[in-house]
C-alpha atoms as a PDB file:
ATOM      1  CA  MET A   1      15.592  11.204  -3.483  1.00  0.00           C
ATOM      2  CA  LYS A   2      15.269   9.723  -1.093  1.00  0.00           C
ATOM      3  CA  LYS A   3      12.515   8.600   1.341  1.00  0.00           C
ATOM      4  CA  ILE A   4      11.051   5.289   3.456  1.00  0.00           C
ATOM      5  CA  GLY A   5       8.302   2.680   2.973  1.00  0.00           C
ATOM      6  CA  LEU A   6       6.832  -0.081   4.818  1.00  0.00           C
ATOM      7  CA  VAL A   7       6.886  -3.303   3.059  1.00  0.00           C
ATOM      8  CA  ARG A   8       3.111  -4.219   3.150  1.00  0.00           C
ATOM      9  CA  GLU A   9       2.080  -6.639   0.496  1.00  0.00           C
ATOM     10  CA  ILE A  10       4.024  -9.478  -1.413  1.00  0.00           C
ATOM     11  CA  ARG A  11       2.993 -10.687  -4.645  1.00  0.00           C
ATOM     12  CA  GLY A  12       5.596 -12.474  -6.946  1.00  0.00           C
ATOM     13  CA  ASP A  13       8.488  -9.924  -7.430  1.00  0.00           C
ATOM     14  CA  GLU A  14       6.331  -7.212  -6.421  1.00  0.00           C
ATOM     15  CA  ALA A  15       6.016  -5.065  -3.423  1.00  0.00           C
ATOM     16  CA  LEU A  16       2.986  -3.038  -1.759  1.00  0.00           C
ATOM     17  CA  ILE A  17       4.814  -0.163  -0.292  1.00  0.00           C
ATOM     18  CA  CYS A  18       2.947   2.387   2.131  1.00  0.00           C
ATOM     19  CA  SER A  19       4.824   5.451   2.417  1.00  0.00           C
ATOM     20  CA  ALA A  20       6.259   5.689   5.756  1.00  0.00           C
ATOM     21  CA  ASP A  21       5.582   9.376   6.185  1.00  0.00           C
ATOM     22  CA  GLY A  22       3.579  11.309   3.503  1.00  0.00           C
ATOM     23  CA  ASN A  23       3.885  14.669   4.670  1.00  0.00           C
ATOM     24  CA  GLU A  24       7.893  14.943   2.959  1.00  0.00           C
ATOM     25  CA  CYS A  25       6.466  14.467  -0.493  1.00  0.00           C
ATOM     26  CA  ASP A  26       4.275  17.444   0.047  1.00  0.00           C
ATOM     27  CA  SER A  27       7.045  19.787   0.807  1.00  0.00           C
ATOM     28  CA  CYS A  28       9.149  17.871  -2.252  1.00  0.00           C
ATOM     29  CA  GLU A  29       9.894  20.165  -5.429  1.00  0.00           C
ATOM     30  CA  ALA A  30      10.296  16.921  -7.612  1.00  0.00           C
ATOM     31  CA  ARG A  31       6.954  15.062  -6.209  1.00  0.00           C
ATOM     32  CA  HIS A  32       5.345  15.148  -9.369  1.00  0.00           C
ATOM     33  CA  ALA A  33       7.969  13.742 -11.669  1.00  0.00           C
ATOM     34  CA  CYS A  34       8.787  10.935  -8.708  1.00  0.00           C
ATOM     35  CA  PHE A  35       4.614   9.715  -8.833  1.00  0.00           C
ATOM     36  CA  SER A  36       3.777  10.332 -12.519  1.00  0.00           C
ATOM     37  CA  MET A  37       6.909   7.955 -12.675  1.00  0.00           C
ATOM     38  CA  SER A  38       5.564   5.725 -10.330  1.00  0.00           C
ATOM     39  CA  GLY A  39       2.565   5.451 -11.438  1.00  0.00           C
ATOM     40  CA  THR A  40       1.053   6.539  -7.918  1.00  0.00           C
ATOM     41  CA  GLU A  41       0.526  10.320  -9.245  1.00  0.00           C
ATOM     42  CA  GLY A  42      -2.482  11.163  -6.571  1.00  0.00           C
ATOM     43  CA  LYS A  43      -2.587   8.356  -4.460  1.00  0.00           C
ATOM     44  CA  LYS A  44       0.278   8.799  -2.455  1.00  0.00           C
ATOM     45  CA  ASP A  45      -0.309   6.034  -0.152  1.00  0.00           C
ATOM     46  CA  ASP A  46       0.357   2.829  -1.435  1.00  0.00           C
ATOM     47  CA  PHE A  47       2.083   2.178  -4.709  1.00  0.00           C
ATOM     48  CA  TRP A  48       3.767  -1.508  -6.232  1.00  0.00           C
ATOM     49  CA  MET A  49       7.044  -1.476  -6.875  1.00  0.00           C
ATOM     50  CA  LEU A  50       9.878  -4.493  -8.341  1.00  0.00           C
ATOM     51  CA  ASN A  51      10.775  -6.211  -5.243  1.00  0.00           C
ATOM     52  CA  ASP A  52      14.736  -6.787  -6.586  1.00  0.00           C
ATOM     53  CA  ILE A  53      16.443  -6.731  -2.490  1.00  0.00           C
ATOM     54  CA  GLY A  54      14.245  -9.706  -1.214  1.00  0.00           C
ATOM     55  CA  ALA A  55      12.017  -7.153   1.172  1.00  0.00           C
ATOM     56  CA  SER A  56       9.549  -9.149   3.417  1.00  0.00           C
ATOM     57  CA  PRO A  57       6.239  -8.083   4.419  1.00  0.00           C
ATOM     58  CA  GLY A  58       7.052  -5.492   7.599  1.00  0.00           C
ATOM     59  CA  ASP A  59      10.379  -4.634   6.414  1.00  0.00           C
ATOM     60  CA  MET A  60      11.036  -0.859   6.181  1.00  0.00           C
ATOM     61  CA  VAL A  61      13.027   0.058   3.258  1.00  0.00           C
ATOM     62  CA  GLU A  62      14.361   2.831   1.698  1.00  0.00           C
ATOM     63  CA  LEU A  63      13.395   3.962  -1.688  1.00  0.00           C
ATOM     64  CA  GLU A  64      14.583   6.241  -3.965  1.00  0.00           C
ATOM     65  CA  LEU A  65      14.360   7.611  -7.555  1.00  0.00           C
ATOM     66  CA  LYS A  66      18.151   8.984  -8.429  1.00  0.00           C
ATOM     67  CA  SER A  67      19.190  11.999  -9.537  1.00  0.00           C
ATOM     68  CA  SER A  68      19.991  11.529 -13.187  1.00  0.00           C
ATOM     69  CA  ALA A  69      16.095  10.328 -13.757  1.00  0.00           C
ATOM     70  CA  SER A  70      14.858  13.203 -11.755  1.00  0.00           C
ATOM     71  CA  LEU A  71      16.885  15.390 -14.231  1.00  0.00           C
ATOM     72  CA  THR A  72      15.941  13.424 -17.309  1.00  0.00           C
ATOM     73  CA  ILE A  73      11.886  13.814 -16.354  1.00  0.00           C
ATOM     74  CA  ILE A  74      12.132  17.830 -15.480  1.00  0.00           C
ATOM     75  CA  ALA A  75      14.543  18.525 -18.590  1.00  0.00           C
ATOM     76  CA  SER A  76      11.455  16.525 -21.253  1.00  0.00           C
ATOM     77  CA  THR A  77       9.081  17.879 -19.170  1.00  0.00           C
ATOM     78  CA  PHE A  78       9.751  21.854 -18.611  1.00  0.00           C
ATOM     79  CA  LEU A  79      12.711  22.646 -21.477  1.00  0.00           C
ATOM     80  CA  LEU A  80      11.808  20.768 -24.061  1.00  0.00           C
ATOM     81  CA  PRO A  81       8.352  22.514 -24.588  1.00  0.00           C
ATOM     82  CA  VAL A  82       9.464  26.098 -23.651  1.00  0.00           C
ATOM     83  CA  PHE A  83      12.511  25.427 -26.572  1.00  0.00           C
ATOM     84  CA  LEU A  84      10.135  24.389 -29.130  1.00  0.00           C
ATOM     85  CA  LEU A  85       8.007  27.351 -28.070  1.00  0.00           C
ATOM     86  CA  PHE A  86      11.160  29.479 -29.100  1.00  0.00           C
ATOM     87  CA  ALA A  87      12.089  27.103 -31.933  1.00  0.00           C
ATOM     88  CA  GLY A  88       8.338  27.845 -33.257  1.00  0.00           C
ATOM     89  CA  TYR A  89       8.631  31.679 -33.280  1.00  0.00           C
ATOM     90  CA  LEU A  90      11.658  31.987 -34.830  1.00  0.00           C
ATOM     91  CA  PHE A  91      10.863  29.635 -37.172  1.00  0.00           C
ATOM     92  CA  MET A  92       8.198  32.174 -38.007  1.00  0.00           C
ATOM     93  CA  MET A  93      10.108  35.256 -36.912  1.00  0.00           C
ATOM     94  CA  ASN A  94      10.214  36.753 -41.206  1.00  0.00           C
ATOM     95  CA  GLY A  95       6.200  36.790 -40.701  1.00  0.00           C
ATOM     96  CA  THR A  96       3.679  38.906 -39.150  1.00  0.00           C
ATOM     97  CA  ASP A  97       2.573  39.154 -35.820  1.00  0.00           C
ATOM     98  CA  LEU A  98      -0.028  36.890 -35.987  1.00  0.00           C
ATOM     99  CA  GLN A  99       2.511  33.837 -37.540  1.00  0.00           C
ATOM    100  CA  ARG A 100       4.971  34.136 -35.105  1.00  0.00           C
ATOM    101  CA  ALA A 101       2.494  33.547 -32.475  1.00  0.00           C
ATOM    102  CA  LEU A 102       0.838  30.319 -34.188  1.00  0.00           C
ATOM    103  CA  GLY A 103       5.043  29.260 -34.688  1.00  0.00           C
ATOM    104  CA  ALA A 104       5.196  29.862 -31.316  1.00  0.00           C
ATOM    105  CA  GLY A 105       1.759  28.291 -30.126  1.00  0.00           C
ATOM    106  CA  ALA A 106       2.267  25.040 -32.274  1.00  0.00           C
ATOM    107  CA  GLY A 107       6.069  24.750 -31.257  1.00  0.00           C
ATOM    108  CA  LEU A 108       4.708  24.795 -27.316  1.00  0.00           C
ATOM    109  CA  VAL A 109       1.992  21.799 -28.547  1.00  0.00           C
ATOM    110  CA  ALA A 110       4.514  20.219 -30.153  1.00  0.00           C
ATOM    111  CA  GLY A 111       6.914  20.391 -27.056  1.00  0.00           C
ATOM    112  CA  ILE A 112       3.770  19.509 -24.713  1.00  0.00           C
ATOM    113  CA  ALA A 113       2.830  16.627 -27.232  1.00  0.00           C
ATOM    114  CA  ALA A 114       7.083  15.221 -27.030  1.00  0.00           C
ATOM    115  CA  ALA A 115       6.830  15.653 -23.535  1.00  0.00           C
ATOM    116  CA  ILE A 116       4.309  13.230 -22.839  1.00  0.00           C
ATOM    117  CA  VAL A 117       5.295  10.500 -25.111  1.00  0.00           C
ATOM    118  CA  ILE A 118       9.185  10.830 -24.181  1.00  0.00           C
ATOM    119  CA  ASN A 119       7.434  10.109 -20.035  1.00  0.00           C
ATOM    120  CA  LYS A 120       5.492   7.611 -21.209  1.00  0.00           C
ATOM    121  CA  ARG A 121       8.444   6.059 -22.437  1.00  0.00           C
ATOM    122  CA  LEU A 122      11.214   6.702 -19.451  1.00  0.00           C
ATOM    123  CA  GLY A 123       8.125   5.148 -17.248  1.00  0.00           C
ATOM    124  CA  THR A 124       8.607   2.057 -18.738  1.00  0.00           C
ATOM    125  CA  LYS A 125      12.466   1.949 -18.027  1.00  0.00           C
ATOM    126  CA  LYS A 126      13.898   0.098 -14.454  1.00  0.00           C
ATOM    127  CA  GLY A 127      16.141   3.301 -14.753  1.00  0.00           C
ATOM    128  CA  TYR A 128      13.376   5.813 -14.231  1.00  0.00           C
ATOM    129  CA  ASN A 129      10.974   4.336 -11.686  1.00  0.00           C
ATOM    130  CA  MET A 130      11.625   4.423  -7.838  1.00  0.00           C
ATOM    131  CA  GLN A 131      13.639   1.044  -6.719  1.00  0.00           C
ATOM    132  CA  MET A 132      14.033  -0.163  -3.149  1.00  0.00           C
ATOM    133  CA  THR A 133      18.030   0.088  -2.506  1.00  0.00           C
ATOM    134  CA  GLU A 134      18.062  -0.880   0.893  1.00  0.00           C
ATOM    135  CA  ILE A 135      16.079  -3.036   4.131  1.00  0.00           C
ATOM    136  CA  LEU A 136      16.660  -0.574   6.783  1.00  0.00           C
ATOM    137  CA  LYS A 137      14.912  -2.735   9.373  1.00  0.00           C
ATOM    138  CA  ARG A 138      13.362  -6.451   9.411  1.00  0.00           C
ATOM    139  CA  ALA A 139      10.282  -7.448  10.437  1.00  0.00           C
ATOM    140  CA  GLU A 140      11.263 -10.117  12.871  1.00  0.00           C
ATOM    141  CA  ASN A 141      12.543  -6.650  14.520  1.00  0.00           C
ATOM    142  CA  ASP A 142       9.330  -4.638  15.110  1.00  0.00           C
ATOM    143  CA  PRO A 143       8.237  -4.339  18.320  1.00  0.00           C
ATOM    144  CA  ALA A 144       4.310  -4.360  16.847  1.00  0.00           C
ATOM    145  CA  GLU A 145       3.780  -6.092  13.199  1.00  0.00           C
ATOM    146  CA  GLY A 146       2.982  -3.158  10.687  1.00  0.00           C
ATOM    147  CA  THR A 147       3.924  -0.759  13.259  1.00  0.00           C
ATOM    148  CA  ILE A 148       6.923   2.110  12.161  1.00  0.00           C
ATOM    149  CA  SER A 149       8.910   2.961  15.321  1.00  0.00           C
ATOM    150  CA  ASP A 150      10.011   7.282  15.392  1.00  0.00           C
ATOM    151  CA  LYS A 151      13.511   6.093  14.427  1.00  0.00           C
ATOM    152  CA  ALA A 152      12.519   4.891  11.084  1.00  0.00           C
ATOM    153  CA  GLY A 153      10.310   7.141  10.132  1.00  0.00           C
ATOM    154  CA  ARG A 154      12.905  10.098  10.522  1.00  0.00           C
ATOM    155  CA  LYS A 155      15.557  11.348   7.654  1.00  0.00           C
END
């Protein structure tokens, strides 16, 4: 997933990024994974990220969450709980209806707990966070400081 952002502020090796077009996040199917991994759930406007490409305030940058990271996050969040739900049901297959239901419920709860733990741990790894990949436009070339040109706001 790629999007465009504006560097608002630099502090040490981190940059405060303002999303250039928040509307593209509203239509993206991976927005929840993206925001939860970058620590911006519920506050899409500004977020801090590592500035490893040397961006300066006012620069337009390309942000990316790798496809492999998105797929890993989605698999751990959605597929693992469903798998454990079925595993719990199958484990209790020879029991009564109530026992099978309890086994499935226990599997689902275990899957949700495992998904939370996995997502928290993945969030601390560099490859599973949004990263700045390219400086699209330097601040010196902007018509006015802090404005986003029409061309930079489009995909």
